[in-house]
Protein backbone atom coordinates (compact mmCIF):
# COMPACT_ATOMS: atom_id res chain seq x y z
CA MET A 1 19.20 -126.62 107.89
CA ALA A 2 17.33 -125.33 110.95
CA LEU A 3 13.79 -126.58 111.57
CA VAL A 4 10.81 -124.25 111.11
CA ALA A 5 7.80 -124.65 113.37
CA TYR A 6 4.30 -124.86 111.90
CA ALA A 7 0.98 -124.72 113.73
CA LEU A 8 -2.25 -126.60 113.13
CA ASN A 9 -5.15 -124.29 112.36
CA VAL A 10 -7.14 -125.16 115.48
CA PRO A 11 -8.21 -123.07 118.50
CA VAL A 12 -5.83 -123.09 121.45
CA ASP A 13 -7.49 -124.47 124.57
CA PRO A 14 -7.16 -121.88 127.37
CA THR A 15 -5.88 -124.51 129.81
CA VAL A 16 -3.04 -125.33 127.41
CA GLN A 17 -1.98 -121.69 127.21
CA ILE A 18 -2.03 -121.45 131.00
CA ASN A 19 0.22 -124.52 131.17
CA ILE A 20 2.61 -123.06 128.61
CA ASP A 21 2.86 -119.82 130.60
CA PHE A 22 3.31 -121.78 133.84
CA PHE A 23 6.24 -123.82 132.52
CA GLU A 24 7.84 -120.89 130.72
CA GLN A 25 8.05 -119.09 134.06
CA ARG A 26 9.32 -122.21 135.84
CA PHE A 27 12.07 -122.72 133.24
CA LYS A 28 13.13 -119.09 133.74
CA GLU A 29 13.41 -119.86 137.46
CA GLY A 30 15.70 -122.85 136.85
CA TYR A 31 13.22 -125.72 136.55
CA GLY A 32 14.15 -128.74 134.44
CA ILE A 33 15.99 -132.05 134.82
CA LYS A 34 19.48 -132.54 133.40
CA TYR A 35 19.71 -136.32 133.81
CA PRO A 36 17.53 -139.10 132.36
CA GLU A 37 14.84 -140.59 134.59
CA THR A 38 14.94 -144.24 135.65
CA HIS A 39 11.80 -145.32 133.78
CA VAL A 40 13.22 -143.84 130.56
CA ILE A 41 16.44 -145.83 130.94
CA ARG A 42 14.40 -148.98 131.52
CA PHE A 43 12.27 -148.24 128.44
CA TYR A 44 15.42 -148.02 126.35
CA ASN A 45 17.10 -151.08 127.87
CA PHE A 46 14.16 -153.47 128.06
CA VAL A 47 11.83 -152.37 125.24
CA LEU A 48 13.84 -150.64 122.52
CA SER A 49 17.22 -152.35 122.83
CA HIS A 50 16.38 -155.83 124.18
CA GLN A 51 12.85 -156.62 122.98
CA LEU A 52 12.65 -154.71 119.69
CA LYS A 53 16.36 -154.48 118.84
CA ILE A 54 15.91 -150.78 117.95
CA LYS A 55 19.23 -149.13 118.76
CA SER A 56 19.42 -146.31 116.20
CA GLY A 57 17.30 -144.11 113.96
CA ASN A 58 15.44 -140.82 114.24
CA LEU A 59 13.84 -140.03 117.59
CA LEU A 60 11.49 -137.12 118.35
CA ASP A 61 11.53 -135.90 121.95
CA PHE A 62 8.16 -134.12 122.12
CA GLY A 63 8.18 -131.66 125.01
CA CYS A 64 11.93 -132.04 125.35
CA ALA A 65 12.50 -129.32 127.99
CA LEU A 66 16.28 -129.03 128.60
CA GLY A 67 16.99 -132.11 126.50
CA ALA A 68 18.10 -134.58 129.16
CA HIS A 69 16.37 -137.47 127.43
CA SER A 70 17.33 -136.31 123.95
CA ARG A 71 20.97 -136.44 125.02
CA TYR A 72 20.51 -139.86 126.58
CA PHE A 73 19.09 -141.33 123.37
CA GLU A 74 21.70 -139.49 121.30
CA ASP A 75 24.41 -141.10 123.44
CA HIS A 76 22.82 -144.50 122.75
CA GLY A 77 22.89 -144.35 118.97
CA PHE A 78 19.83 -142.31 117.99
CA THR A 79 19.60 -139.06 116.06
CA ALA A 80 17.44 -137.03 118.43
CA PHE A 81 15.19 -134.11 117.53
CA GLY A 82 13.58 -131.97 120.23
CA CYS A 83 10.61 -129.64 120.35
CA ASP A 84 9.05 -127.68 123.17
CA SER A 85 6.67 -124.73 123.54
CA SER A 86 9.09 -123.01 125.95
CA GLU A 87 11.57 -120.63 124.34
CA THR A 88 13.59 -120.61 127.58
CA ALA A 89 13.83 -124.41 127.69
CA ILE A 90 14.95 -124.68 124.07
CA ALA A 91 17.54 -121.91 124.58
CA LYS A 92 18.99 -123.83 127.54
CA PHE A 93 18.85 -127.11 125.60
CA ARG A 94 20.91 -125.52 122.82
CA LEU A 95 23.52 -124.27 125.30
CA LEU A 96 23.81 -127.71 126.83
CA SER A 97 23.86 -129.51 123.46
CA PRO A 98 25.34 -127.22 120.79
CA SER A 99 25.66 -130.08 118.29
CA MET A 100 21.86 -130.43 118.31
CA VAL A 101 20.95 -126.78 117.70
CA ASP A 102 19.59 -127.44 114.21
CA ARG A 103 17.51 -130.34 115.52
CA THR A 104 15.58 -128.35 118.13
CA VAL A 105 12.60 -126.09 117.58
CA VAL A 106 10.17 -123.97 119.60
CA THR A 107 6.67 -125.12 118.72
CA PRO A 108 3.26 -123.42 119.03
CA PRO A 109 0.64 -124.78 121.45
CA MET A 110 -0.67 -127.19 118.81
CA PRO A 111 2.14 -127.85 116.33
CA ASP A 112 1.85 -129.30 112.85
CA LEU A 113 4.47 -131.99 113.30
CA VAL A 114 4.20 -133.30 109.74
CA LYS A 115 5.23 -129.93 108.31
CA THR A 116 7.72 -129.10 111.07
CA PHE A 117 9.70 -132.32 110.71
CA PRO A 118 10.43 -133.26 107.07
CA MET A 119 11.52 -136.78 108.00
CA GLN A 120 10.03 -139.91 109.53
CA PHE A 121 10.87 -141.25 112.95
CA ASP A 122 11.70 -144.61 114.46
CA VAL A 123 10.65 -143.44 117.94
CA VAL A 124 8.38 -140.69 119.26
CA PHE A 125 9.01 -139.99 122.94
CA ALA A 126 6.48 -137.94 124.95
CA ASN A 127 7.41 -138.01 128.64
CA GLN A 128 5.43 -135.92 131.14
CA VAL A 129 3.86 -133.69 128.49
CA LEU A 130 0.55 -135.07 127.14
CA ALA A 131 -1.00 -134.81 130.61
CA TYR A 132 -1.11 -131.04 130.09
CA PHE A 133 -3.50 -131.26 127.12
CA PRO A 134 -7.26 -131.93 127.01
CA ASN A 135 -8.52 -135.11 125.34
CA GLN A 136 -9.24 -133.46 121.98
CA ASP A 137 -5.69 -132.14 121.75
CA ILE A 138 -4.19 -135.47 122.82
CA ASN A 139 -6.14 -137.14 120.03
CA LEU A 140 -4.73 -134.66 117.50
CA LEU A 141 -1.18 -135.18 118.75
CA VAL A 142 -1.44 -138.97 118.81
CA SER A 143 -2.73 -138.92 115.24
CA GLN A 144 0.28 -136.83 114.24
CA PHE A 145 2.67 -139.13 116.09
CA HIS A 146 1.23 -142.01 114.09
CA ARG A 147 1.73 -140.15 110.79
CA ILE A 148 5.37 -139.19 111.40
CA LEU A 149 6.43 -142.65 112.59
CA LYS A 150 7.75 -145.25 110.20
CA PRO A 151 5.89 -148.58 110.00
CA GLY A 152 7.05 -150.48 113.06
CA GLY A 153 7.96 -147.23 114.82
CA VAL A 154 7.48 -146.94 118.58
CA LEU A 155 5.57 -144.42 120.69
CA PHE A 156 6.51 -143.93 124.35
CA ALA A 157 4.27 -141.72 126.48
CA SER A 158 3.52 -141.11 130.14
CA MET A 159 0.46 -139.70 131.90
CA TYR A 160 -0.36 -138.85 135.53
CA PRO A 161 -2.70 -141.14 137.48
CA ARG A 162 -4.69 -139.97 140.48
CA SER A 163 -2.15 -141.62 142.76
CA ASN A 164 0.23 -138.78 141.80
CA GLY A 165 0.83 -136.41 144.70
CA ILE A 166 -0.41 -133.34 142.82
CA VAL A 167 -3.97 -134.63 143.24
CA GLU A 168 -3.78 -133.08 146.70
CA CYS A 169 -3.45 -129.67 145.00
CA VAL A 170 -6.61 -129.91 142.86
CA THR A 171 -8.70 -126.74 143.32
CA GLY A 172 -11.21 -127.05 140.47
CA HIS A 173 -12.01 -128.52 137.05
CA LYS A 174 -12.57 -127.35 133.46
CA GLY A 175 -13.60 -128.82 130.15
CA PRO A 176 -16.03 -131.53 129.04
CA GLU A 177 -16.71 -133.91 131.92
CA HIS A 178 -14.22 -131.80 133.93
CA GLU A 179 -11.33 -133.56 132.19
CA MET A 180 -8.80 -130.83 133.07
CA SER A 181 -8.09 -130.57 136.79
CA GLU A 182 -6.99 -127.18 138.08
CA ILE A 183 -3.81 -127.52 140.15
CA THR A 184 -2.75 -124.72 142.50
CA LEU A 185 0.83 -125.25 143.63
CA GLU A 186 2.30 -123.55 146.71
CA GLY A 187 5.43 -125.59 147.40
CA ARG A 188 8.67 -126.04 145.46
CA LEU A 189 6.83 -124.96 142.32
CA LYS A 190 4.30 -122.15 142.63
CA GLY A 191 1.51 -121.26 140.27
CA LEU A 192 -1.54 -122.53 138.41
CA GLU A 193 -1.58 -125.42 135.94
CA TYR A 194 -4.10 -127.89 134.51
CA VAL A 195 -3.63 -131.67 134.38
CA ASN A 196 -5.56 -134.38 132.53
CA PHE A 197 -5.34 -137.39 134.84
CA LYS A 198 -5.41 -140.87 133.29
CA GLU A 199 -5.16 -144.38 134.72
CA GLU A 200 -3.27 -147.32 133.26
CA SER A 201 -6.61 -148.78 132.12
CA ASP A 202 -7.20 -145.66 129.96
CA LEU A 203 -4.03 -145.94 127.91
CA ALA A 204 -4.99 -148.49 125.26
CA GLN A 205 -7.98 -146.35 124.24
CA LEU A 206 -6.05 -143.08 124.51
CA PHE A 207 -3.35 -144.34 122.13
CA ARG A 208 -5.66 -146.55 120.05
CA PRO A 209 -4.00 -146.02 116.61
CA PHE A 210 -1.06 -147.99 118.04
CA ASP A 211 -0.64 -151.64 118.92
CA ALA A 212 0.07 -151.61 122.67
CA LEU A 213 3.30 -153.34 123.68
CA HIS A 214 3.42 -152.50 127.38
CA THR A 215 1.70 -150.37 130.00
CA GLY A 216 2.96 -149.85 133.52
CA LEU A 217 3.46 -147.62 136.53
CA ALA A 218 6.54 -145.66 137.58
CA SER A 219 6.39 -144.56 141.20
CA ILE A 220 8.83 -142.36 143.09
CA ARG A 221 8.12 -141.51 146.72
CA PHE A 222 10.61 -139.93 149.10
CA GLY A 223 9.69 -139.16 152.71
CA ASP A 224 6.82 -136.71 152.98
CA TYR A 225 7.34 -135.49 149.42
CA GLY A 226 4.25 -136.19 147.29
CA GLY A 227 4.67 -139.15 144.98
CA ASN A 228 5.43 -138.54 141.32
CA ASP A 229 3.53 -141.55 139.96
CA GLN A 230 3.29 -141.90 136.19
CA VAL A 231 1.51 -144.46 134.07
CA LEU A 232 3.61 -145.54 131.09
CA TYR A 233 2.72 -146.64 127.60
CA ALA A 234 4.76 -148.19 124.82
CA GLY A 235 3.07 -148.98 121.51
CA ARG A 236 4.01 -149.74 117.94
CA LYS A 237 2.74 -148.53 114.58
CA VAL A 238 1.57 -151.52 112.56
């Protein structure tokens, strides 16, 4: 049975809608990775498989894009479910992974994950997505992640620190305490987006319903290309 997306009855932050429009256009232009990233492979190998001995179960890829990580976890024993606010991304995901069509869904800006997914999860995976929400929305999403995870379930998430190269493209700020930084991109990707920068020291508080297992930094720098630093979090529902 195909999944049906539900929305929480909360106002949509204007920066979130701008981000959704930005990425929808980028996906139409061919944006999106097709292979798993190194830090994700390490999270699986060192945290899930080796430390926690979690090698199967339901996994939600929140902000799944083209499904590269969903397919990676599916290939390693998990039953992966994917959701994204981009219709274009989900359509491409389904073409790349036809066996997962009924486990993918286009979600509204602030989804009701409890209603959308009538099952509980062993892992919730949120890579390079929560940084595009303001603090209030992150709190709502983290609370939902906690509700849909089984006891002992694991949350993986990444955020952007100010060592990330896109800091050089900041052109303004919005929101309480200017938490959302306006990013004007003119290079490989063009357009306007908003990013909520966080440091590794912020993660325990940001994901406070969970018992933190690990935090860390993934850094990729190549020549003059701006670094794609991410701070990483792995926590467990107790």
